[in-house]
Structure formats: C-alpha cells, structure tokens
C-alpha cells in the first residue's frame, strides 16, 4: 500500500524527491501518512479534493483484497 501511494504521489508532484510516505500499522487498520513539498500540496489534494479522494478509493480497493482497512492522511 505504501509503495502504491508513493508511486502515485511522485507522478503528480513537481518535487518527487520530497515525497515521503510513512505507514503506521495496527491490528486491523493501517494509517499511511503522505508528506509532500508545500508547493505540491494542491496537486496532491486536487480541485475540491478529487485527487485525494481518488487516491483513497484506490487504496481502499487494494486494501480490501488483503482484508485490512487503510486510511490515507495528507500531512502539511
């Protein structure tokens, strides 16, 4: 899951070297924290949050296959 989010984010932003993804795992839920450069924050969120929503949809579909809940948090 972490690699999926990292790949998508790196393709969207202008500064791919500043993309960092951390995964905090729990028993049933994992939290993925995505950090990007301040200038790229709007590109990752998208108009009206559409890009972020699409990333969360892909993440939930991929995590459903392994029967685990995964949450994406975009950190400023």
C-alpha atoms as a PDB file:
ATOM      1  CA  UNK A   1       0.000   0.000   0.000  1.00  0.00           C
ATOM      2  CA  UNK A   2       2.828   2.330   0.904  1.00  0.00           C
ATOM      3  CA  UNK A   3       4.518   1.848  -2.470  1.00  0.00           C
ATOM      4  CA  UNK A   4       1.244   2.448  -4.337  1.00  0.00           C
ATOM      5  CA  UNK A   5       0.708   5.834  -2.678  1.00  0.00           C
ATOM      6  CA  UNK A   6       4.370   6.767  -3.119  1.00  0.00           C
ATOM      7  CA  UNK A   7       4.234   5.987  -6.847  1.00  0.00           C
ATOM      8  CA  UNK A   8       1.037   7.975  -7.424  1.00  0.00           C
ATOM      9  CA  UNK A   9       2.275  10.967  -5.434  1.00  0.00           C
ATOM     10  CA  UNK A  10       5.671  11.049  -7.178  1.00  0.00           C
ATOM     11  CA  UNK A  11       3.965  11.143 -10.569  1.00  0.00           C
ATOM     12  CA  UNK A  12       1.720  14.067  -9.560  1.00  0.00           C
ATOM     13  CA  UNK A  13       4.179  16.473  -7.956  1.00  0.00           C
ATOM     14  CA  UNK A  14       6.920  18.811  -9.237  1.00  0.00           C
ATOM     15  CA  UNK A  15       9.381  17.796  -6.490  1.00  0.00           C
ATOM     16  CA  UNK A  16       9.248  13.970  -6.336  1.00  0.00           C
ATOM     17  CA  UNK A  17      12.349  13.768  -4.155  1.00  0.00           C
ATOM     18  CA  UNK A  18      10.454  15.493  -1.321  1.00  0.00           C
ATOM     19  CA  UNK A  19       7.682  12.889  -1.210  1.00  0.00           C
ATOM     20  CA  UNK A  20       7.760  10.780   1.939  1.00  0.00           C
ATOM     21  CA  UNK A  21       5.329   8.067   2.931  1.00  0.00           C
ATOM     22  CA  UNK A  22       5.118   6.533   6.407  1.00  0.00           C
ATOM     23  CA  UNK A  23       2.941   3.574   7.316  1.00  0.00           C
ATOM     24  CA  UNK A  24       1.690   3.034  10.849  1.00  0.00           C
ATOM     25  CA  UNK A  25       0.288  -0.458  11.208  1.00  0.00           C
ATOM     26  CA  UNK A  26      -2.294  -1.598  13.699  1.00  0.00           C
ATOM     27  CA  UNK A  27      -4.125  -4.894  14.145  1.00  0.00           C
ATOM     28  CA  UNK A  28      -6.960  -4.170  11.735  1.00  0.00           C
ATOM     29  CA  UNK A  29      -6.169  -0.694  10.421  1.00  0.00           C
ATOM     30  CA  UNK A  30      -3.128   0.912   8.847  1.00  0.00           C
ATOM     31  CA  UNK A  31      -2.569   4.649   8.542  1.00  0.00           C
ATOM     32  CA  UNK A  32      -0.498   5.933   5.641  1.00  0.00           C
ATOM     33  CA  UNK A  33       0.881   9.443   6.093  1.00  0.00           C
ATOM     34  CA  UNK A  34       1.832  11.280   2.911  1.00  0.00           C
ATOM     35  CA  UNK A  35       4.094  14.323   3.088  1.00  0.00           C
ATOM     36  CA  UNK A  36       4.926  16.454   0.047  1.00  0.00           C
ATOM     37  CA  UNK A  37       6.545  19.827  -0.564  1.00  0.00           C
ATOM     38  CA  UNK A  38       4.370  22.801   0.374  1.00  0.00           C
ATOM     39  CA  UNK A  39       4.186  23.875  -3.290  1.00  0.00           C
ATOM     40  CA  UNK A  40       2.851  20.442  -4.310  1.00  0.00           C
ATOM     41  CA  UNK A  41       0.142  20.141  -1.677  1.00  0.00           C
ATOM     42  CA  UNK A  42      -2.551  21.479  -4.012  1.00  0.00           C
ATOM     43  CA  UNK A  43      -1.632  18.985  -6.723  1.00  0.00           C
ATOM     44  CA  UNK A  44      -1.964  16.049  -4.364  1.00  0.00           C
ATOM     45  CA  UNK A  45      -5.301  17.255  -2.987  1.00  0.00           C
ATOM     46  CA  UNK A  46      -6.723  18.384  -6.334  1.00  0.00           C
ATOM     47  CA  UNK A  47      -9.743  20.501  -7.164  1.00  0.00           C
ATOM     48  CA  UNK A  48     -12.372  20.032  -4.469  1.00  0.00           C
ATOM     49  CA  UNK A  49     -10.309  17.116  -3.132  1.00  0.00           C
ATOM     50  CA  UNK A  50     -10.887  14.937  -6.175  1.00  0.00           C
ATOM     51  CA  UNK A  51      -7.308  13.694  -6.491  1.00  0.00           C
ATOM     52  CA  UNK A  52      -7.087  12.843  -2.789  1.00  0.00           C
ATOM     53  CA  UNK A  53     -10.461  11.103  -2.969  1.00  0.00           C
ATOM     54  CA  UNK A  54      -9.294   9.064  -5.977  1.00  0.00           C
ATOM     55  CA  UNK A  55      -6.126   8.027  -4.143  1.00  0.00           C
ATOM     56  CA  UNK A  56      -8.201   6.969  -1.129  1.00  0.00           C
ATOM     57  CA  UNK A  57     -10.544   4.973  -3.377  1.00  0.00           C
ATOM     58  CA  UNK A  58      -7.618   3.098  -4.954  1.00  0.00           C
ATOM     59  CA  UNK A  59      -6.144   2.492  -1.525  1.00  0.00           C
ATOM     60  CA  UNK A  60      -9.382   1.106  -0.121  1.00  0.00           C
ATOM     61  CA  UNK A  61      -9.835  -1.185  -3.133  1.00  0.00           C
ATOM     62  CA  UNK A  62      -6.289  -2.520  -2.786  1.00  0.00           C
ATOM     63  CA  UNK A  63      -6.578  -2.960   0.985  1.00  0.00           C
ATOM     64  CA  UNK A  64      -9.900  -4.800   0.623  1.00  0.00           C
ATOM     65  CA  UNK A  65      -8.029  -7.584  -1.161  1.00  0.00           C
ATOM     66  CA  UNK A  66      -5.878  -8.189   1.916  1.00  0.00           C
ATOM     67  CA  UNK A  67      -8.888  -7.733   4.226  1.00  0.00           C
ATOM     68  CA  UNK A  68      -7.415  -4.775   6.081  1.00  0.00           C
ATOM     69  CA  UNK A  69      -8.621  -1.177   6.424  1.00  0.00           C
ATOM     70  CA  UNK A  70      -6.186   1.501   5.304  1.00  0.00           C
ATOM     71  CA  UNK A  71      -6.539   5.253   5.843  1.00  0.00           C
ATOM     72  CA  UNK A  72      -4.632   7.939   3.915  1.00  0.00           C
ATOM     73  CA  UNK A  73      -3.668  11.139   5.706  1.00  0.00           C
ATOM     74  CA  UNK A  74      -2.060  14.008   3.803  1.00  0.00           C
ATOM     75  CA  UNK A  75       0.253  15.886   6.149  1.00  0.00           C
ATOM     76  CA  UNK A  76       1.041  19.573   5.566  1.00  0.00           C
END
